[in-house]
Amino acid sequence: GLLGQIESQLGFTLSNVPDAPSGAGVPNINEWQTMDSEQQAFRMASFVEGGGNATEFMQMIAGSAPAQMRQTQYATL
């Protein structure tokens, strides 16, 4: 990737650089809850880089929750 190109041009490797998470797409609610904040940030950044936005991303994760965990709004017409 880009970091590898930079390192090869400079002639050394950078340490303490986190790896991008494996797996593609939007994680489900269970995966999301087990990720640390760095993994969550990588996943969201990857989604946004692919053309999505952060609000969509979070809505998709929330949509994967079981019905009993989803917030439901009621209104009378």
Protein backbone atom coordinates (compact mmCIF):
# COMPACT_ATOMS: atom_id res chain seq x y z
CA GLY A 1 0.00 0.00 0.00
CA LEU A 2 0.87 3.63 0.29
CA LEU A 3 2.86 3.19 3.50
CA GLY A 4 4.98 0.49 1.86
CA GLN A 5 5.73 2.81 -1.07
CA ILE A 6 6.76 5.61 1.28
CA GLU A 7 8.96 3.27 3.32
CA SER A 8 10.67 1.92 0.20
CA GLN A 9 11.38 5.44 -1.07
CA LEU A 10 12.81 6.51 2.28
CA GLY A 11 14.74 3.29 2.74
CA PHE A 12 13.47 2.36 6.20
CA THR A 13 10.36 0.99 7.88
CA LEU A 14 8.18 2.78 10.38
CA SER A 15 7.45 1.03 13.65
CA ASN A 16 4.29 1.09 15.76
CA VAL A 17 2.02 1.48 12.74
CA PRO A 18 -1.24 -0.43 13.22
CA ASP A 19 -2.41 -2.77 10.49
CA ALA A 20 -5.71 -2.20 8.79
CA PRO A 21 -8.31 -4.72 9.95
CA SER A 22 -8.98 -7.73 7.82
CA GLY A 23 -12.44 -8.26 6.47
CA ALA A 24 -14.47 -6.05 4.25
CA GLY A 25 -17.75 -4.28 4.54
CA VAL A 26 -19.74 -3.20 7.52
CA PRO A 27 -19.38 -5.32 10.66
CA ASN A 28 -22.47 -6.58 12.42
CA ILE A 29 -23.39 -5.32 15.87
CA ASN A 30 -21.62 -8.22 17.64
CA GLU A 31 -18.36 -7.66 15.75
CA TRP A 32 -18.59 -3.90 16.34
CA GLN A 33 -19.00 -4.31 20.10
CA THR A 34 -15.93 -6.54 20.37
CA MET A 35 -13.65 -4.16 18.42
CA ASP A 36 -11.44 -1.64 20.17
CA SER A 37 -11.73 2.03 19.22
CA GLU A 38 -8.82 1.83 16.78
CA GLN A 39 -10.39 -1.07 14.88
CA GLN A 40 -13.72 0.77 14.78
CA ALA A 41 -12.04 3.89 13.41
CA PHE A 42 -10.30 1.87 10.69
CA ARG A 43 -13.54 0.19 9.64
CA MET A 44 -15.44 3.48 9.49
CA ALA A 45 -12.63 5.21 7.59
CA SER A 46 -12.52 2.37 5.09
CA PHE A 47 -16.27 2.64 4.52
CA VAL A 48 -16.12 6.42 4.08
CA GLU A 49 -13.13 6.12 1.75
CA GLY A 50 -15.22 3.77 -0.38
CA GLY A 51 -17.87 6.46 -0.89
CA GLY A 52 -20.16 6.03 2.11
CA ASN A 53 -20.63 8.33 5.06
CA ALA A 54 -20.34 7.83 8.80
CA THR A 55 -24.09 8.15 9.43
CA GLU A 56 -24.89 5.42 6.90
CA PHE A 57 -22.22 3.22 8.42
CA MET A 58 -23.63 3.51 11.94
CA GLN A 59 -27.20 2.97 10.68
CA MET A 60 -26.11 -0.25 8.96
CA ILE A 61 -24.48 -1.52 12.15
CA ALA A 62 -27.55 -0.62 14.21
CA GLY A 63 -29.74 -2.36 11.62
CA SER A 64 -27.92 -5.64 12.26
CA ALA A 65 -28.97 -5.64 15.92
CA PRO A 66 -31.66 -8.08 17.02
CA ALA A 67 -35.14 -6.55 17.15
CA GLN A 68 -35.17 -6.42 20.95
CA MET A 69 -32.09 -4.14 20.88
CA ARG A 70 -33.41 -1.72 18.25
CA GLN A 71 -35.06 1.46 19.28
CA THR A 72 -38.57 1.76 17.94
CA GLN A 73 -40.48 4.97 17.62
CA TYR A 74 -44.26 5.06 17.64
CA ALA A 75 -46.56 7.81 16.51
CA THR A 76 -50.28 8.20 16.04
CA LEU A 77 -51.70 9.57 12.86
